Structures are given as structure tokens and as C-alpha cells.
């Protein structure tokens, strides 16, 4: 009888611990996805800035300006640093691509089923 009570208490503690760990993992994954989405957007903004800066640098008025040339080099260095974290921000891109692919497959299956129904 004493063993059953001890095992029951142990099971309750184990269940509570597992529930806490599941909650914690979900919370961490949500934060990782948030960071992933924002890093991807940030890289796009930085790329657009770099392109704009190069466009300004290539204008006749500013061509050869050392300050702008330094800014271009600095921007390229920042982009390189951000791309090192591609594995993080590509998480949401891969996830979105998979969802879009699954939607396309479902649409094709629905179209085929509709074609078969109309043909028969």
C-alpha cells in the first residue's frame, strides 16, 4: 500500500514536470519563430539599403566619395554577418514554403477528384 502511494506521488510529479516542459518548449519555439521572421525581414531591409547606397554612390555627384564608399563596405560587412545566421531566419521561410506546397498538392488532388466525378 505504501509503495502504491509513493508511486502515485511520483507519477503526479512526473506528469506536472512533463506538462511544464511541454509548455516551456512551445514558448521557446514561438520566440524562435518570431526572431526568425524578424531576422529575415531585417535582412531584406539591409539589402534594400545597400542597393540604395550603391545607387547614390554611382551618381555623378557622389562618384568616388570616400565616405559613401566606406558606408558601402560597412553595409556589406553587416549583410555578411546577418547571412551567417541564415539557419535561424530560414526556419520560417522553409515552413511557409512547405505550407504553400501542401496547399498546392491539396488543390491538385481536389481538381483531379472533381475531374473524375465530372467524367464519370
C-alpha atoms as a PDB file:
ATOM      1  CA  UNK A   1       0.000   0.000   0.000  1.00  0.00           C
ATOM      2  CA  UNK A   2       2.827   2.361   0.907  1.00  0.00           C
ATOM      3  CA  UNK A   3       4.555   1.598  -2.424  1.00  0.00           C
ATOM      4  CA  UNK A   4       1.411   2.470  -4.385  1.00  0.00           C
ATOM      5  CA  UNK A   5       1.136   5.844  -2.643  1.00  0.00           C
ATOM      6  CA  UNK A   6       4.800   6.636  -3.296  1.00  0.00           C
ATOM      7  CA  UNK A   7       4.489   5.618  -6.967  1.00  0.00           C
ATOM      8  CA  UNK A   8       1.287   7.680  -7.325  1.00  0.00           C
ATOM      9  CA  UNK A   9       3.002  10.761  -5.924  1.00  0.00           C
ATOM     10  CA  UNK A  10       5.966  10.151  -8.209  1.00  0.00           C
ATOM     11  CA  UNK A  11       3.627   9.856 -11.237  1.00  0.00           C
ATOM     12  CA  UNK A  12       1.840  13.093 -10.345  1.00  0.00           C
ATOM     13  CA  UNK A  13       5.159  14.914 -10.002  1.00  0.00           C
ATOM     14  CA  UNK A  14       6.312  13.428 -13.311  1.00  0.00           C
ATOM     15  CA  UNK A  15       3.115  14.484 -15.106  1.00  0.00           C
ATOM     16  CA  UNK A  16       3.389  18.029 -13.754  1.00  0.00           C
ATOM     17  CA  UNK A  17       7.038  18.182 -14.815  1.00  0.00           C
ATOM     18  CA  UNK A  18       6.219  16.950 -18.329  1.00  0.00           C
ATOM     19  CA  UNK A  19       3.391  19.480 -18.660  1.00  0.00           C
ATOM     20  CA  UNK A  20       5.741  22.269 -17.619  1.00  0.00           C
ATOM     21  CA  UNK A  21       8.407  21.142 -20.098  1.00  0.00           C
ATOM     22  CA  UNK A  22       5.895  20.967 -22.952  1.00  0.00           C
ATOM     23  CA  UNK A  23       4.703  24.500 -22.141  1.00  0.00           C
ATOM     24  CA  UNK A  24       8.281  25.767 -21.934  1.00  0.00           C
ATOM     25  CA  UNK A  25       9.329  24.179 -25.246  1.00  0.00           C
ATOM     26  CA  UNK A  26       6.293  25.676 -27.014  1.00  0.00           C
ATOM     27  CA  UNK A  27       7.126  29.094 -25.573  1.00  0.00           C
ATOM     28  CA  UNK A  28      10.743  28.865 -26.718  1.00  0.00           C
ATOM     29  CA  UNK A  29       9.738  27.687 -30.211  1.00  0.00           C
ATOM     30  CA  UNK A  30       7.308  30.600 -30.577  1.00  0.00           C
ATOM     31  CA  UNK A  31      10.071  33.022 -29.649  1.00  0.00           C
ATOM     32  CA  UNK A  32      12.453  31.365 -32.102  1.00  0.00           C
ATOM     33  CA  UNK A  33       9.909  31.673 -34.897  1.00  0.00           C
ATOM     34  CA  UNK A  34       9.351  35.346 -34.020  1.00  0.00           C
ATOM     35  CA  UNK A  35      13.091  36.022 -34.169  1.00  0.00           C
ATOM     36  CA  UNK A  36      13.363  34.049 -37.396  1.00  0.00           C
ATOM     37  CA  UNK A  37      10.665  36.108 -39.122  1.00  0.00           C
ATOM     38  CA  UNK A  38      12.149  39.392 -37.952  1.00  0.00           C
ATOM     39  CA  UNK A  39      15.701  38.492 -38.975  1.00  0.00           C
ATOM     40  CA  UNK A  40      14.518  37.649 -42.483  1.00  0.00           C
ATOM     41  CA  UNK A  41      12.712  40.971 -42.734  1.00  0.00           C
ATOM     42  CA  UNK A  42      15.745  42.775 -41.340  1.00  0.00           C
ATOM     43  CA  UNK A  43      17.993  41.223 -43.982  1.00  0.00           C
ATOM     44  CA  UNK A  44      15.651  42.416 -46.728  1.00  0.00           C
ATOM     45  CA  UNK A  45      15.731  45.955 -45.312  1.00  0.00           C
ATOM     46  CA  UNK A  46      19.522  45.934 -45.125  1.00  0.00           C
ATOM     47  CA  UNK A  47      19.799  44.607 -48.693  1.00  0.00           C
ATOM     48  CA  UNK A  48      17.499  47.374 -49.931  1.00  0.00           C
ATOM     49  CA  UNK A  49      19.580  49.937 -48.053  1.00  0.00           C
ATOM     50  CA  UNK A  50      22.785  48.568 -49.595  1.00  0.00           C
ATOM     51  CA  UNK A  51      21.315  48.778 -53.093  1.00  0.00           C
ATOM     52  CA  UNK A  52      20.138  52.342 -52.494  1.00  0.00           C
ATOM     53  CA  UNK A  53      23.536  53.343 -51.155  1.00  0.00           C
ATOM     54  CA  UNK A  54      25.293  51.899 -54.193  1.00  0.00           C
ATOM     55  CA  UNK A  55      22.868  53.753 -56.457  1.00  0.00           C
ATOM     56  CA  UNK A  56      23.701  57.033 -54.716  1.00  0.00           C
ATOM     57  CA  UNK A  57      27.416  56.239 -54.907  1.00  0.00           C
ATOM     58  CA  UNK A  58      27.203  55.664 -58.667  1.00  0.00           C
ATOM     59  CA  UNK A  59      25.589  59.068 -59.271  1.00  0.00           C
ATOM     60  CA  UNK A  60      27.867  61.608 -60.918  1.00  0.00           C
ATOM     61  CA  UNK A  61      27.626  63.957 -57.958  1.00  0.00           C
ATOM     62  CA  UNK A  62      28.884  61.412 -55.410  1.00  0.00           C
ATOM     63  CA  UNK A  63      31.015  59.081 -57.549  1.00  0.00           C
ATOM     64  CA  UNK A  64      34.298  58.393 -55.795  1.00  0.00           C
ATOM     65  CA  UNK A  65      33.203  59.831 -52.431  1.00  0.00           C
ATOM     66  CA  UNK A  66      35.248  58.008 -49.809  1.00  0.00           C
ATOM     67  CA  UNK A  67      32.586  58.388 -47.103  1.00  0.00           C
ATOM     68  CA  UNK A  68      29.932  56.686 -49.198  1.00  0.00           C
ATOM     69  CA  UNK A  69      32.437  54.051 -50.294  1.00  0.00           C
ATOM     70  CA  UNK A  70      33.159  53.339 -46.612  1.00  0.00           C
ATOM     71  CA  UNK A  71      29.441  53.112 -45.892  1.00  0.00           C
ATOM     72  CA  UNK A  72      29.027  50.595 -48.717  1.00  0.00           C
ATOM     73  CA  UNK A  73      31.838  48.458 -47.315  1.00  0.00           C
ATOM     74  CA  UNK A  74      30.338  48.658 -43.833  1.00  0.00           C
ATOM     75  CA  UNK A  75      26.884  47.729 -45.135  1.00  0.00           C
ATOM     76  CA  UNK A  76      28.307  44.721 -46.974  1.00  0.00           C
ATOM     77  CA  UNK A  77      30.030  43.609 -43.769  1.00  0.00           C
ATOM     78  CA  UNK A  78      26.730  43.881 -41.880  1.00  0.00           C
ATOM     79  CA  UNK A  79      24.936  41.841 -44.554  1.00  0.00           C
ATOM     80  CA  UNK A  80      27.629  39.162 -44.345  1.00  0.00           C
ATOM     81  CA  UNK A  81      27.235  38.984 -40.558  1.00  0.00           C
ATOM     82  CA  UNK A  82      23.481  38.635 -40.865  1.00  0.00           C
ATOM     83  CA  UNK A  83      23.701  35.923 -43.513  1.00  0.00           C
ATOM     84  CA  UNK A  84      25.752  33.827 -41.085  1.00  0.00           C
ATOM     85  CA  UNK A  85      22.505  33.392 -39.164  1.00  0.00           C
ATOM     86  CA  UNK A  86      20.637  32.136 -42.232  1.00  0.00           C
ATOM     87  CA  UNK A  87      19.783  28.878 -40.493  1.00  0.00           C
ATOM     88  CA  UNK A  88      17.690  30.845 -37.992  1.00  0.00           C
ATOM     89  CA  UNK A  89      15.747  33.092 -40.313  1.00  0.00           C
ATOM     90  CA  UNK A  90      15.294  30.388 -42.931  1.00  0.00           C
ATOM     91  CA  UNK A  91      13.164  28.410 -40.476  1.00  0.00           C
ATOM     92  CA  UNK A  92      10.049  30.405 -41.246  1.00  0.00           C
ATOM     93  CA  UNK A  93      10.818  30.558 -44.956  1.00  0.00           C
ATOM     94  CA  UNK A  94      11.062  26.772 -45.130  1.00  0.00           C
ATOM     95  CA  UNK A  95       7.911  26.456 -43.057  1.00  0.00           C
ATOM     96  CA  UNK A  96       5.993  28.848 -45.326  1.00  0.00           C
ATOM     97  CA  UNK A  97       7.272  27.055 -48.443  1.00  0.00           C
ATOM     98  CA  UNK A  98       6.135  23.689 -47.052  1.00  0.00           C
ATOM     99  CA  UNK A  99       2.684  25.060 -46.237  1.00  0.00           C
ATOM    100  CA  UNK A 100       2.345  26.547 -49.734  1.00  0.00           C
ATOM    101  CA  UNK A 101       3.481  23.251 -51.290  1.00  0.00           C
ATOM    102  CA  UNK A 102       0.972  21.279 -49.220  1.00  0.00           C
ATOM    103  CA  UNK A 103      -1.805  23.684 -50.266  1.00  0.00           C
ATOM    104  CA  UNK A 104      -0.869  23.248 -53.939  1.00  0.00           C
ATOM    105  CA  UNK A 105      -0.884  19.454 -53.599  1.00  0.00           C
ATOM    106  CA  UNK A 106      -4.299  19.547 -51.921  1.00  0.00           C
ATOM    107  CA  UNK A 107      -5.652  21.764 -54.725  1.00  0.00           C
ATOM    108  CA  UNK A 108      -4.316  19.367 -57.372  1.00  0.00           C
ATOM    109  CA  UNK A 109      -5.915  16.410 -55.605  1.00  0.00           C
ATOM    110  CA  UNK A 110      -9.221  18.275 -55.365  1.00  0.00           C
ATOM    111  CA  UNK A 111      -9.039  19.162 -59.077  1.00  0.00           C
ATOM    112  CA  UNK A 112      -8.352  15.546 -60.008  1.00  0.00           C
ATOM    113  CA  UNK A 113     -11.231  14.302 -57.860  1.00  0.00           C
ATOM    114  CA  UNK A 114     -13.555  16.880 -59.442  1.00  0.00           C
ATOM    115  CA  UNK A 115     -12.398  15.848 -62.924  1.00  0.00           C
ATOM    116  CA  UNK A 116     -13.035  12.185 -62.158  1.00  0.00           C
ATOM    117  CA  UNK A 117     -16.524  12.967 -60.807  1.00  0.00           C
ATOM    118  CA  UNK A 118     -17.414  15.029 -63.869  1.00  0.00           C
ATOM    119  CA  UNK A 119     -16.028  12.436 -66.278  1.00  0.00           C
ATOM    120  CA  UNK A 120     -17.937   9.567 -64.662  1.00  0.00           C
END
